[in-house]
Protein backbone atom coordinates (compact mmCIF):
# COMPACT_ATOMS: atom_id res chain seq x y z
CA UNK A 1 -19.06 10.03 -45.15
CA UNK A 2 -16.93 11.91 -42.68
CA UNK A 3 -15.81 10.48 -39.34
CA UNK A 4 -17.20 12.24 -36.30
CA UNK A 5 -14.28 13.43 -34.16
CA UNK A 6 -14.78 15.20 -30.87
CA UNK A 7 -13.69 18.82 -31.01
CA UNK A 8 -11.15 18.37 -28.21
CA UNK A 9 -9.41 15.25 -29.61
CA UNK A 10 -6.06 17.08 -29.48
CA UNK A 11 -6.43 17.47 -25.70
CA UNK A 12 -6.87 13.74 -24.95
CA UNK A 13 -3.24 13.16 -23.85
CA UNK A 14 -3.48 16.11 -21.44
CA UNK A 15 -6.84 15.00 -20.09
CA UNK A 16 -5.56 11.44 -19.65
CA UNK A 17 -2.38 12.51 -17.82
CA UNK A 18 -4.44 14.70 -15.47
CA UNK A 19 -6.70 11.75 -14.74
CA UNK A 20 -3.73 9.48 -14.00
CA UNK A 21 -2.16 12.10 -11.70
CA UNK A 22 -5.45 12.53 -9.85
CA UNK A 23 -5.79 8.77 -9.29
CA UNK A 24 -2.18 8.50 -8.09
CA UNK A 25 -2.66 11.43 -5.74
CA UNK A 26 -5.81 9.83 -4.31
CA UNK A 27 -4.00 6.51 -3.82
CA UNK A 28 -1.12 8.23 -2.02
CA UNK A 29 -3.56 10.02 0.28
CA UNK A 30 -5.23 6.69 1.14
CA UNK A 31 -1.85 5.07 1.87
CA UNK A 32 -0.93 7.99 4.10
CA UNK A 33 -4.26 7.80 5.93
CA UNK A 34 -3.69 4.08 6.56
CA UNK A 35 -0.31 4.93 8.07
CA UNK A 36 1.65 3.04 5.41
CA UNK A 37 3.64 6.06 4.17
CA UNK A 38 4.69 9.40 5.65
CA UNK A 39 4.63 12.71 3.88
CA UNK A 40 5.79 16.24 4.62
CA UNK A 41 5.06 19.63 3.12
CA UNK A 42 8.00 21.15 1.25
CA UNK A 43 8.66 23.91 -1.25
CA UNK A 44 8.78 22.74 -4.85
CA UNK A 45 11.20 23.98 -7.52
CA UNK A 46 8.72 26.65 -8.61
CA UNK A 47 8.25 27.86 -5.02
CA UNK A 48 4.91 26.18 -4.32
CA UNK A 49 3.94 24.12 -1.31
CA UNK A 50 3.90 20.44 -2.27
CA UNK A 51 3.23 17.26 -0.33
CA UNK A 52 6.26 14.99 -0.60
CA UNK A 53 6.03 11.35 0.47
CA UNK A 54 9.28 10.77 2.32
CA UNK A 55 9.18 7.36 3.96
CA UNK A 56 7.43 4.02 4.13
CA UNK A 57 6.18 3.23 7.62
CA UNK A 58 6.41 -0.14 9.34
CA UNK A 59 2.79 -1.18 8.53
CA UNK A 60 3.42 -0.23 4.89
CA UNK A 61 6.62 -2.26 4.81
CA UNK A 62 4.78 -5.29 6.22
CA UNK A 63 1.99 -4.91 3.67
CA UNK A 64 4.55 -4.60 0.89
CA UNK A 65 6.27 -7.76 2.12
CA UNK A 66 2.93 -9.66 2.15
CA UNK A 67 2.18 -8.43 -1.35
CA UNK A 68 5.61 -9.54 -2.54
CA UNK A 69 5.10 -13.04 -1.14
CA UNK A 70 1.64 -13.28 -2.72
CA UNK A 71 2.98 -12.17 -6.09
CA UNK A 72 5.85 -14.66 -5.85
CA UNK A 73 3.35 -17.47 -5.18
CA UNK A 74 1.22 -16.33 -8.10
CA UNK A 75 4.26 -16.19 -10.39
CA UNK A 76 5.21 -19.72 -9.30
CA UNK A 77 1.72 -21.01 -10.10
CA UNK A 78 1.74 -19.36 -13.52
CA UNK A 79 5.19 -20.81 -14.19
CA UNK A 80 4.00 -24.32 -13.27
CA UNK A 81 0.94 -23.91 -15.44
CA UNK A 82 3.00 -22.81 -18.44
CA UNK A 83 5.54 -25.61 -17.93
CA UNK A 84 2.80 -28.25 -17.76
CA UNK A 85 1.41 -27.12 -21.13
CA UNK A 86 4.71 -27.46 -22.94
């Protein structure tokens, strides 16, 4: 019996990378709309207009700081949990 392979199996890496780029682009747009990052339009190497994220804004820096503290607390809890098992 032969395995059923989709006809475009060789395109999966390309399809996946396009999907990842699209999700990243959408996330960057949301961050810019929230005012967390700033972007400008610039010419790319191949002479196309491209949106370039150039700076993190103050609200974005504060959110990043809060996230860092939350992750540090979480890492501390995981560390205590692992130490108590051993």
